Each structure stands twice: as C-alpha cells, then as structure tokens.
Amino acid sequence: MSQPPSNPYPGSYPPPQQQPGGFQPPQQPGPQQGGYPSAAQPGQPFGAEAGQPGYGAPAVPPKKKSSVGKILLIVLAVVVVLCVGGGTALYFATKDKVTEVVDATKTRMTAPDTLAGRPKVTDPQLQTAAEQMISEMKKDVPDATSTVGAFYGNPEKQDLVMIGGVSGLIADPKKEMADATAGLSTELGVTSFKTADAGPLGGEAKCGDGKADSLPVGVCVWADRGSLGVIVLYFKSAADLQKEFVTMRGQIEQKG
C-alpha cells in the first residue's frame, strides 16, 4: 500500500497530526479563509476566527484613557473654596459707600450659552457635576442671591473651562479672596497666586498654576462687593487664562 503524502491537506496550517496505522481523524471545519480550527486551541491566535487580529491581540483596541476623572477633581475643590468661607454676609461697616451696597445687591452670576466663544459641554458626567456644584453652593451659602457652575469647550480637544461662583453682599472681599486662594493652593497645588487685571467690573483678581492629579490647570479667582468667582482652564496655564479672563468674567458677572 502506498504511503500517504507528507501533508494530505496542502495549503493548510498547521498540518494534522499523523495517527498510528495511517488513519487520519476527520478535520474540524475551518473558516473560508485560512486553516485555523473553529475553536481556540492552546497556542492558537485568539480571535482569528472572528476576523480579529491574531497572536494574542485583543478583540478590540483599548479605549483611550479619559480625562473626565481628573476633570471632576476640580469640581470638589471649587465647591470647597466657595462654600467654606460662607461666601456672603448681609452687613457692612458704616464706612462702606451706599453705591457699593446698591451695586452689590444688583449683582448676579449667570452661565451664558457660550463663554469666550466656547459652547456649553454636552458630556453627561460634566453636566451632572455642574448641577451638583450648584446644589452644594446653594446649600452651604443660603444667603447667596445667585450661584453658577458650568463647563465650556471640548474636552477631547483639550479645550475646557469650568466656572463656579456666588453673588451676594460680601462684607470683606479681601478676606474672601485670601480664603479662596488659600483653599485652592491646598486643593489644586497652586504654589503662587499673582495679582491679575480684574477688568471694568472692579474688585480684586488673582491667578496661578495648579494641577489635578497630573493634569495642568490655570486658575483665576475674583472677589468684589457682590460676588466671588473661580474660573479654571484645563490643560493650560494661568498665563493662557489671563488672556481671556476679563472677557469671561464680563459674561458671567452681571450688574443692574
């Protein structure tokens, strides 16, 4: 009896193992292309049957790590800063000018549809975080006349801004500024706040560089007789934020 060819299934890989007596076991049906068995066997490239990359490659590429977790760290930090000091007080020293009091009572914080050209974000997690920030501020600063919290830009393009603030009659804006910058230095690791242009709305403004986890952020704070607010620019520096700060504040803080 003639010997069977060394590989009775030309073109297939690996060749079926020989059995004693020349008997060949029936072969498992394979895919239309290639010669891999239909079920993964030890040493077989996983996922080849489904047309996925072989040799141990995952069935789908790993997702790019999101920055949302790091972004949300800022929310808590801002809430802490705006709420710890109480934010507002319904009294003034006799030396305060009547016009300052009147202007303060008319001050309101608002979240515009766009901020310095950036639209409000649509990410559900960030929207929920903004709502929670407002809820906490209303709870912890009950005498505030208004509160604001929102995100603008596009996180995927590393262009994102967060705003947070309260309005009301603030007895000591300088103290509120000192408390806010001290809190942000602790929460966001801002090593140095420098005086910045507060813009036509007046009061005092300071900006500095910080980090959330390893994410760089630029932070600016302002305080006046009628409001205390924070703006955080993610992925960028305080110098970048200062270029837009006066414009942003003018869209957030409204008087009259």
C-alpha atoms as a PDB file:
ATOM      1  CA  MET A   1       0.000   0.000   0.000  1.00  0.00           C
ATOM      2  CA  SER A   2       1.396   3.376  -0.957  1.00  0.00           C
ATOM      3  CA  GLN A   3       2.269   5.877   1.756  1.00  0.00           C
ATOM      4  CA  PRO A   4       0.069   8.977   2.124  1.00  0.00           C
ATOM      5  CA  PRO A   5       1.649  12.278   1.171  1.00  0.00           C
ATOM      6  CA  SER A   6       3.519  14.042   3.949  1.00  0.00           C
ATOM      7  CA  ASN A   7       0.803  16.707   4.045  1.00  0.00           C
ATOM      8  CA  PRO A   8      -2.526  15.439   2.759  1.00  0.00           C
ATOM      9  CA  TYR A   9      -4.019  18.925   3.137  1.00  0.00           C
ATOM     10  CA  PRO A  10      -1.833  21.251   1.086  1.00  0.00           C
ATOM     11  CA  GLY A  11      -2.214  24.911   1.964  1.00  0.00           C
ATOM     12  CA  SER A  12      -3.473  24.299   5.497  1.00  0.00           C
ATOM     13  CA  TYR A  13      -1.569  25.220   8.648  1.00  0.00           C
ATOM     14  CA  PRO A  14      -0.721  23.556  10.934  1.00  0.00           C
ATOM     15  CA  PRO A  15      -0.783  20.065   9.249  1.00  0.00           C
ATOM     16  CA  PRO A  16      -2.936  17.484  11.037  1.00  0.00           C
ATOM     17  CA  GLN A  17      -1.018  15.127  13.275  1.00  0.00           C
ATOM     18  CA  GLN A  18      -0.393  11.598  11.994  1.00  0.00           C
ATOM     19  CA  GLN A  19      -2.098   8.737  13.789  1.00  0.00           C
ATOM     20  CA  PRO A  20      -0.797   5.166  14.050  1.00  0.00           C
ATOM     21  CA  GLY A  21      -1.758   2.941  11.127  1.00  0.00           C
ATOM     22  CA  GLY A  22      -2.110   5.848   8.724  1.00  0.00           C
ATOM     23  CA  PHE A  23      -5.617   6.758   9.999  1.00  0.00           C
ATOM     24  CA  GLN A  24      -6.405  10.442   9.738  1.00  0.00           C
ATOM     25  CA  PRO A  25      -9.087  11.840  12.073  1.00  0.00           C
ATOM     26  CA  PRO A  26     -11.802  13.958  10.497  1.00  0.00           C
ATOM     27  CA  GLN A  27     -10.834  17.616  10.345  1.00  0.00           C
ATOM     28  CA  GLN A  28     -12.792  20.359  12.098  1.00  0.00           C
ATOM     29  CA  PRO A  29     -14.441  22.725   9.662  1.00  0.00           C
ATOM     30  CA  GLY A  30     -12.484  25.946   9.441  1.00  0.00           C
ATOM     31  CA  PRO A  31     -13.298  29.420   8.141  1.00  0.00           C
ATOM     32  CA  GLN A  32     -13.472  30.079   4.440  1.00  0.00           C
ATOM     33  CA  GLN A  33     -10.054  31.665   4.501  1.00  0.00           C
ATOM     34  CA  GLY A  34      -7.039  30.190   6.271  1.00  0.00           C
ATOM     35  CA  GLY A  35      -6.881  26.838   8.025  1.00  0.00           C
ATOM     36  CA  TYR A  36      -7.440  27.634  11.709  1.00  0.00           C
ATOM     37  CA  PRO A  37      -9.825  25.434  13.670  1.00  0.00           C
ATOM     38  CA  SER A  38     -13.162  26.993  14.599  1.00  0.00           C
ATOM     39  CA  ALA A  39     -12.455  26.853  18.346  1.00  0.00           C
ATOM     40  CA  ALA A  40      -9.459  28.414  20.036  1.00  0.00           C
ATOM     41  CA  GLN A  41      -6.888  25.771  20.970  1.00  0.00           C
ATOM     42  CA  PRO A  42      -3.741  26.180  23.063  1.00  0.00           C
ATOM     43  CA  GLY A  43      -1.240  28.174  21.039  1.00  0.00           C
ATOM     44  CA  GLN A  44      -3.835  29.302  18.527  1.00  0.00           C
ATOM     45  CA  PRO A  45      -4.021  33.047  17.885  1.00  0.00           C
ATOM     46  CA  PHE A  46      -7.127  34.128  19.816  1.00  0.00           C
ATOM     47  CA  GLY A  47      -9.790  35.935  17.836  1.00  0.00           C
ATOM     48  CA  ALA A  48      -8.627  34.801  14.386  1.00  0.00           C
ATOM     49  CA  GLU A  49     -11.936  33.089  13.660  1.00  0.00           C
ATOM     50  CA  ALA A  50     -13.884  36.332  14.147  1.00  0.00           C
ATOM     51  CA  GLY A  51     -11.576  38.192  11.809  1.00  0.00           C
ATOM     52  CA  GLN A  52      -9.824  39.944  14.679  1.00  0.00           C
ATOM     53  CA  PRO A  53      -6.059  40.396  14.944  1.00  0.00           C
ATOM     54  CA  GLY A  54      -4.299  37.176  15.909  1.00  0.00           C
ATOM     55  CA  TYR A  55      -1.298  36.265  18.022  1.00  0.00           C
ATOM     56  CA  GLY A  56      -2.780  37.393  21.316  1.00  0.00           C
ATOM     57  CA  ALA A  57      -4.040  40.794  20.144  1.00  0.00           C
ATOM     58  CA  PRO A  58      -7.228  41.932  21.929  1.00  0.00           C
ATOM     59  CA  ALA A  59     -10.508  41.663  20.084  1.00  0.00           C
ATOM     60  CA  VAL A  60     -10.917  45.456  20.198  1.00  0.00           C
ATOM     61  CA  PRO A  61      -8.275  48.156  20.709  1.00  0.00           C
ATOM     62  CA  PRO A  62      -8.109  49.561  24.250  1.00  0.00           C
ATOM     63  CA  LYS A  63     -10.004  52.783  24.746  1.00  0.00           C
ATOM     64  CA  LYS A  64      -8.033  55.956  25.227  1.00  0.00           C
ATOM     65  CA  LYS A  65      -7.950  56.881  28.896  1.00  0.00           C
ATOM     66  CA  SER A  66     -10.442  59.643  29.589  1.00  0.00           C
ATOM     67  CA  SER A  67      -9.547  62.822  31.438  1.00  0.00           C
ATOM     68  CA  VAL A  68     -13.042  63.160  32.878  1.00  0.00           C
ATOM     69  CA  GLY A  69     -11.966  61.658  36.214  1.00  0.00           C
ATOM     70  CA  LYS A  70      -9.221  64.223  36.616  1.00  0.00           C
ATOM     71  CA  ILE A  71     -11.548  66.992  35.477  1.00  0.00           C
ATOM     72  CA  LEU A  72     -14.106  66.115  38.129  1.00  0.00           C
ATOM     73  CA  LEU A  73     -11.499  66.513  40.857  1.00  0.00           C
ATOM     74  CA  ILE A  74     -11.636  70.255  40.254  1.00  0.00           C
ATOM     75  CA  VAL A  75     -15.364  70.418  40.979  1.00  0.00           C
ATOM     76  CA  LEU A  76     -14.935  69.348  44.571  1.00  0.00           C
ATOM     77  CA  ALA A  77     -12.039  71.731  45.052  1.00  0.00           C
ATOM     78  CA  VAL A  78     -14.060  74.703  43.793  1.00  0.00           C
ATOM     79  CA  VAL A  79     -17.103  73.800  45.884  1.00  0.00           C
ATOM     80  CA  VAL A  80     -14.923  73.619  48.983  1.00  0.00           C
ATOM     81  CA  VAL A  81     -13.366  77.005  48.267  1.00  0.00           C
ATOM     82  CA  LEU A  82     -16.647  78.778  47.560  1.00  0.00           C
ATOM     83  CA  CYS A  83     -18.531  77.273  50.485  1.00  0.00           C
ATOM     84  CA  VAL A  84     -16.089  77.089  53.384  1.00  0.00           C
ATOM     85  CA  GLY A  85     -15.956  80.824  53.986  1.00  0.00           C
ATOM     86  CA  GLY A  86     -19.713  81.208  53.778  1.00  0.00           C
ATOM     87  CA  GLY A  87     -19.257  83.455  50.751  1.00  0.00           C
ATOM     88  CA  THR A  88     -21.627  86.243  51.679  1.00  0.00           C
ATOM     89  CA  ALA A  89     -22.763  88.316  54.626  1.00  0.00           C
ATOM     90  CA  LEU A  90     -25.708  90.679  54.961  1.00  0.00           C
ATOM     91  CA  TYR A  91     -23.973  93.541  56.720  1.00  0.00           C
ATOM     92  CA  PHE A  92     -21.436  96.279  56.012  1.00  0.00           C
ATOM     93  CA  ALA A  93     -19.339  98.585  58.089  1.00  0.00           C
ATOM     94  CA  THR A  94     -20.586 102.178  58.286  1.00  0.00           C
ATOM     95  CA  LYS A  95     -17.693 103.393  56.137  1.00  0.00           C
ATOM     96  CA  ASP A  96     -18.943 101.456  53.115  1.00  0.00           C
ATOM     97  CA  LYS A  97     -20.358 103.600  50.363  1.00  0.00           C
ATOM     98  CA  VAL A  98     -24.063 103.329  49.627  1.00  0.00           C
ATOM     99  CA  THR A  99     -23.320 102.943  45.933  1.00  0.00           C
ATOM    100  CA  GLU A 100     -21.187  99.868  46.622  1.00  0.00           C
ATOM    101  CA  VAL A 101     -24.020  98.274  48.559  1.00  0.00           C
ATOM    102  CA  VAL A 102     -26.537  99.078  45.823  1.00  0.00           C
ATOM    103  CA  ASP A 103     -24.268  97.654  43.105  1.00  0.00           C
ATOM    104  CA  ALA A 104     -23.662  94.536  45.173  1.00  0.00           C
ATOM    105  CA  THR A 105     -27.379  93.879  45.618  1.00  0.00           C
ATOM    106  CA  LYS A 106     -27.842  94.069  41.845  1.00  0.00           C
ATOM    107  CA  THR A 107     -25.005  91.646  41.036  1.00  0.00           C
ATOM    108  CA  ARG A 108     -25.988  88.280  39.598  1.00  0.00           C
ATOM    109  CA  MET A 109     -23.960  85.301  38.358  1.00  0.00           C
ATOM    110  CA  THR A 110     -25.070  83.615  35.164  1.00  0.00           C
ATOM    111  CA  ALA A 111     -23.969  80.762  32.903  1.00  0.00           C
ATOM    112  CA  PRO A 112     -24.027  82.160  29.354  1.00  0.00           C
ATOM    113  CA  ASP A 113     -24.801  79.979  26.326  1.00  0.00           C
ATOM    114  CA  THR A 114     -21.201  80.423  25.189  1.00  0.00           C
ATOM    115  CA  LEU A 115     -18.118  81.537  27.115  1.00  0.00           C
ATOM    116  CA  ALA A 116     -15.422  83.391  25.160  1.00  0.00           C
ATOM    117  CA  GLY A 117     -16.649  81.557  22.054  1.00  0.00           C
ATOM    118  CA  ARG A 118     -16.863  78.113  23.685  1.00  0.00           C
ATOM    119  CA  PRO A 119     -20.191  76.254  23.801  1.00  0.00           C
ATOM    120  CA  LYS A 120     -21.505  74.554  26.919  1.00  0.00           C
ATOM    121  CA  VAL A 121     -20.337  70.945  27.108  1.00  0.00           C
ATOM    122  CA  THR A 122     -22.803  68.141  26.447  1.00  0.00           C
ATOM    123  CA  ASP A 123     -20.948  65.372  28.311  1.00  0.00           C
ATOM    124  CA  PRO A 124     -23.487  63.914  30.796  1.00  0.00           C
ATOM    125  CA  GLN A 125     -20.894  63.428  33.543  1.00  0.00           C
ATOM    126  CA  LEU A 126     -19.741  67.025  33.381  1.00  0.00           C
ATOM    127  CA  GLN A 127     -23.307  68.332  33.213  1.00  0.00           C
ATOM    128  CA  THR A 128     -24.178  66.315  36.312  1.00  0.00           C
ATOM    129  CA  ALA A 129     -21.053  67.582  38.090  1.00  0.00           C
ATOM    130  CA  ALA A 130     -22.021  71.189  37.314  1.00  0.00           C
ATOM    131  CA  GLU A 131     -25.523  70.630  38.697  1.00  0.00           C
ATOM    132  CA  GLN A 132     -24.107  69.083  41.864  1.00  0.00           C
ATOM    133  CA  MET A 133     -21.727  72.011  42.285  1.00  0.00           C
ATOM    134  CA  ILE A 134     -24.637  74.467  42.134  1.00  0.00           C
ATOM    135  CA  SER A 135     -26.665  72.356  44.555  1.00  0.00           C
ATOM    136  CA  GLU A 136     -23.830  72.291  47.103  1.00  0.00           C
ATOM    137  CA  MET A 137     -23.271  76.039  46.857  1.00  0.00           C
ATOM    138  CA  LYS A 138     -26.977  76.767  47.369  1.00  0.00           C
ATOM    139  CA  LYS A 139     -26.986  74.504  50.405  1.00  0.00           C
ATOM    140  CA  ASP A 140     -23.809  75.870  52.001  1.00  0.00           C
ATOM    141  CA  VAL A 141     -24.276  79.542  51.055  1.00  0.00           C
ATOM    142  CA  PRO A 142     -28.014  80.004  51.674  1.00  0.00           C
ATOM    143  CA  ASP A 143     -27.885  83.812  51.622  1.00  0.00           C
ATOM    144  CA  ALA A 144     -26.362  83.932  48.122  1.00  0.00           C
ATOM    145  CA  THR A 145     -28.549  85.806  45.629  1.00  0.00           C
ATOM    146  CA  SER A 146     -27.363  83.575  42.768  1.00  0.00           C
ATOM    147  CA  THR A 147     -24.999  80.683  42.059  1.00  0.00           C
ATOM    148  CA  VAL A 148     -23.337  79.429  38.891  1.00  0.00           C
ATOM    149  CA  GLY A 149     -21.491  76.309  37.794  1.00  0.00           C
ATOM    150  CA  ALA A 150     -20.855  75.126  34.242  1.00  0.00           C
ATOM    151  CA  PHE A 151     -18.339  73.690  31.758  1.00  0.00           C
ATOM    152  CA  TYR A 152     -17.489  75.080  28.322  1.00  0.00           C
ATOM    153  CA  GLY A 153     -15.412  73.895  25.377  1.00  0.00           C
ATOM    154  CA  ASN A 154     -14.413  70.442  24.155  1.00  0.00           C
ATOM    155  CA  PRO A 155     -12.506  68.052  26.447  1.00  0.00           C
ATOM    156  CA  GLU A 156     -11.499  65.843  23.505  1.00  0.00           C
ATOM    157  CA  LYS A 157      -9.628  68.799  22.008  1.00  0.00           C
ATOM    158  CA  GLN A 158      -8.115  69.713  25.390  1.00  0.00           C
ATOM    159  CA  ASP A 159     -10.040  72.978  25.421  1.00  0.00           C
ATOM    160  CA  LEU A 160     -12.167  73.103  28.552  1.00  0.00           C
ATOM    161  CA  VAL A 161     -13.208  75.795  31.036  1.00  0.00           C
ATOM    162  CA  MET A 162     -15.088  75.423  34.303  1.00  0.00           C
ATOM    163  CA  ILE A 163     -16.773  78.293  36.118  1.00  0.00           C
ATOM    164  CA  GLY A 164     -18.123  78.476  39.656  1.00  0.00           C
ATOM    165  CA  GLY A 165     -19.350  81.391  41.697  1.00  0.00           C
ATOM    166  CA  VAL A 166     -21.821  83.013  44.064  1.00  0.00           C
ATOM    167  CA  SER A 167     -23.268  86.500  44.351  1.00  0.00           C
ATOM    168  CA  GLY A 168     -24.462  88.367  47.431  1.00  0.00           C
ATOM    169  CA  LEU A 169     -23.451  91.133  49.805  1.00  0.00           C
ATOM    170  CA  ILE A 170     -19.853  90.330  50.689  1.00  0.00           C
ATOM    171  CA  ALA A 171     -18.667  92.164  53.773  1.00  0.00           C
ATOM    172  CA  ASP A 172     -14.930  91.584  53.278  1.00  0.00           C
ATOM    173  CA  PRO A 173     -13.891  90.767  49.684  1.00  0.00           C
ATOM    174  CA  LYS A 174     -10.199  90.749  50.589  1.00  0.00           C
ATOM    175  CA  LYS A 175     -10.762  88.094  53.244  1.00  0.00           C
ATOM    176  CA  GLU A 176     -12.864  86.022  50.840  1.00  0.00           C
ATOM    177  CA  MET A 177     -10.069  86.282  48.274  1.00  0.00           C
ATOM    178  CA  ALA A 178      -7.484  85.225  50.850  1.00  0.00           C
ATOM    179  CA  ASP A 179      -9.607  82.252  51.923  1.00  0.00           C
ATOM    180  CA  ALA A 180     -10.260  81.218  48.320  1.00  0.00           C
ATOM    181  CA  THR A 181      -6.628  81.361  47.215  1.00  0.00           C
ATOM    182  CA  ALA A 182      -5.504  79.520  50.352  1.00  0.00           C
ATOM    183  CA  GLY A 183      -8.067  76.797  49.685  1.00  0.00           C
ATOM    184  CA  LEU A 184      -7.095  76.415  46.043  1.00  0.00           C
ATOM    185  CA  SER A 185      -3.430  76.294  46.985  1.00  0.00           C
ATOM    186  CA  THR A 186      -4.263  73.276  49.136  1.00  0.00           C
ATOM    187  CA  GLU A 187      -6.812  71.586  46.841  1.00  0.00           C
ATOM    188  CA  LEU A 188      -5.103  72.199  43.490  1.00  0.00           C
ATOM    189  CA  GLY A 189      -1.495  72.734  44.483  1.00  0.00           C
ATOM    190  CA  VAL A 190      -1.330  76.319  43.259  1.00  0.00           C
ATOM    191  CA  THR A 191       2.023  77.405  44.642  1.00  0.00           C
ATOM    192  CA  SER A 192       1.686  81.101  43.851  1.00  0.00           C
ATOM    193  CA  PHE A 193      -1.240  83.409  43.078  1.00  0.00           C
ATOM    194  CA  LYS A 194      -0.341  86.668  41.369  1.00  0.00           C
ATOM    195  CA  THR A 195      -2.486  89.782  41.061  1.00  0.00           C
ATOM    196  CA  ALA A 196      -4.245  89.993  37.692  1.00  0.00           C
ATOM    197  CA  ASP A 197      -6.324  92.571  35.832  1.00  0.00           C
ATOM    198  CA  ALA A 198      -9.816  92.429  37.344  1.00  0.00           C
ATOM    199  CA  GLY A 199     -11.348  94.313  34.414  1.00  0.00           C
ATOM    200  CA  PRO A 200     -14.028  97.043  34.412  1.00  0.00           C
ATOM    201  CA  LEU A 201     -16.171  95.219  36.999  1.00  0.00           C
ATOM    202  CA  GLY A 202     -13.577  96.053  39.643  1.00  0.00           C
ATOM    203  CA  GLY A 203     -12.724  94.186  42.800  1.00  0.00           C
ATOM    204  CA  GLU A 204      -9.610  92.028  43.038  1.00  0.00           C
ATOM    205  CA  ALA A 205      -8.404  89.159  40.845  1.00  0.00           C
ATOM    206  CA  LYS A 206      -5.551  86.684  41.224  1.00  0.00           C
ATOM    207  CA  CYS A 207      -4.331  83.826  39.008  1.00  0.00           C
ATOM    208  CA  GLY A 208      -1.969  80.865  39.410  1.00  0.00           C
ATOM    209  CA  ASP A 209      -0.946  77.488  38.004  1.00  0.00           C
ATOM    210  CA  GLY A 210      -2.148  74.246  39.573  1.00  0.00           C
ATOM    211  CA  LYS A 211      -2.687  70.546  38.928  1.00  0.00           C
ATOM    212  CA  ALA A 212      -5.441  67.965  39.311  1.00  0.00           C
ATOM    213  CA  ASP A 213      -3.678  64.621  39.552  1.00  0.00           C
ATOM    214  CA  SER A 214      -1.171  65.229  36.722  1.00  0.00           C
ATOM    215  CA  LEU A 215      -3.470  67.498  34.704  1.00  0.00           C
ATOM    216  CA  PRO A 216      -2.226  71.104  34.426  1.00  0.00           C
ATOM    217  CA  VAL A 217      -4.766  73.870  35.052  1.00  0.00           C
ATOM    218  CA  GLY A 218      -4.775  77.637  35.070  1.00  0.00           C
ATOM    219  CA  VAL A 219      -6.877  79.157  37.876  1.00  0.00           C
ATOM    220  CA  CYS A 220      -8.197  82.705  38.317  1.00  0.00           C
ATOM    221  CA  VAL A 221     -10.261  83.974  41.269  1.00  0.00           C
ATOM    222  CA  TRP A 222     -12.048  87.266  41.686  1.00  0.00           C
ATOM    223  CA  ALA A 223     -13.873  88.914  44.588  1.00  0.00           C
ATOM    224  CA  ASP A 224     -15.806  92.157  44.857  1.00  0.00           C
ATOM    225  CA  ARG A 225     -18.619  93.545  46.984  1.00  0.00           C
ATOM    226  CA  GLY A 226     -21.192  91.482  45.135  1.00  0.00           C
ATOM    227  CA  SER A 227     -19.535  88.240  44.037  1.00  0.00           C
ATOM    228  CA  LEU A 228     -16.873  85.602  44.486  1.00  0.00           C
ATOM    229  CA  GLY A 229     -15.962  83.506  41.445  1.00  0.00           C
ATOM    230  CA  VAL A 230     -13.460  80.986  40.122  1.00  0.00           C
ATOM    231  CA  ILE A 231     -12.515  80.133  36.536  1.00  0.00           C
ATOM    232  CA  VAL A 232     -10.432  77.047  35.747  1.00  0.00           C
ATOM    233  CA  LEU A 233      -8.814  76.471  32.352  1.00  0.00           C
ATOM    234  CA  TYR A 234      -7.891  72.803  31.929  1.00  0.00           C
ATOM    235  CA  PHE A 235      -4.787  71.586  30.071  1.00  0.00           C
ATOM    236  CA  LYS A 236      -3.374  75.145  30.005  1.00  0.00           C
ATOM    237  CA  SER A 237      -1.571  77.684  32.180  1.00  0.00           C
ATOM    238  CA  ALA A 238      -2.659  80.712  34.176  1.00  0.00           C
ATOM    239  CA  ALA A 239      -0.984  82.913  31.570  1.00  0.00           C
ATOM    240  CA  ASP A 240      -3.275  81.405  28.923  1.00  0.00           C
ATOM    241  CA  LEU A 241      -6.333  82.008  31.098  1.00  0.00           C
ATOM    242  CA  GLN A 242      -5.415  85.602  31.870  1.00  0.00           C
ATOM    243  CA  LYS A 243      -5.675  86.445  28.171  1.00  0.00           C
ATOM    244  CA  GLU A 244      -9.399  85.651  28.330  1.00  0.00           C
ATOM    245  CA  PHE A 245     -10.213  86.238  31.982  1.00  0.00           C
ATOM    246  CA  VAL A 246     -11.691  89.752  31.723  1.00  0.00           C
ATOM    247  CA  THR A 247     -13.901  88.682  28.814  1.00  0.00           C
ATOM    248  CA  MET A 248     -15.096  85.571  30.639  1.00  0.00           C
ATOM    249  CA  ARG A 249     -15.813  87.393  33.875  1.00  0.00           C
ATOM    250  CA  GLY A 250     -17.796  90.028  31.981  1.00  0.00           C
ATOM    251  CA  GLN A 251     -20.017  87.277  30.567  1.00  0.00           C
ATOM    252  CA  ILE A 252     -20.519  85.570  33.942  1.00  0.00           C
ATOM    253  CA  GLU A 253     -20.987  88.516  36.356  1.00  0.00           C
ATOM    254  CA  GLN A 254     -23.890  90.785  35.517  1.00  0.00           C
ATOM    255  CA  LYS A 255     -24.854  94.027  37.273  1.00  0.00           C
ATOM    256  CA  GLY A 256     -28.027  96.060  37.071  1.00  0.00           C
END
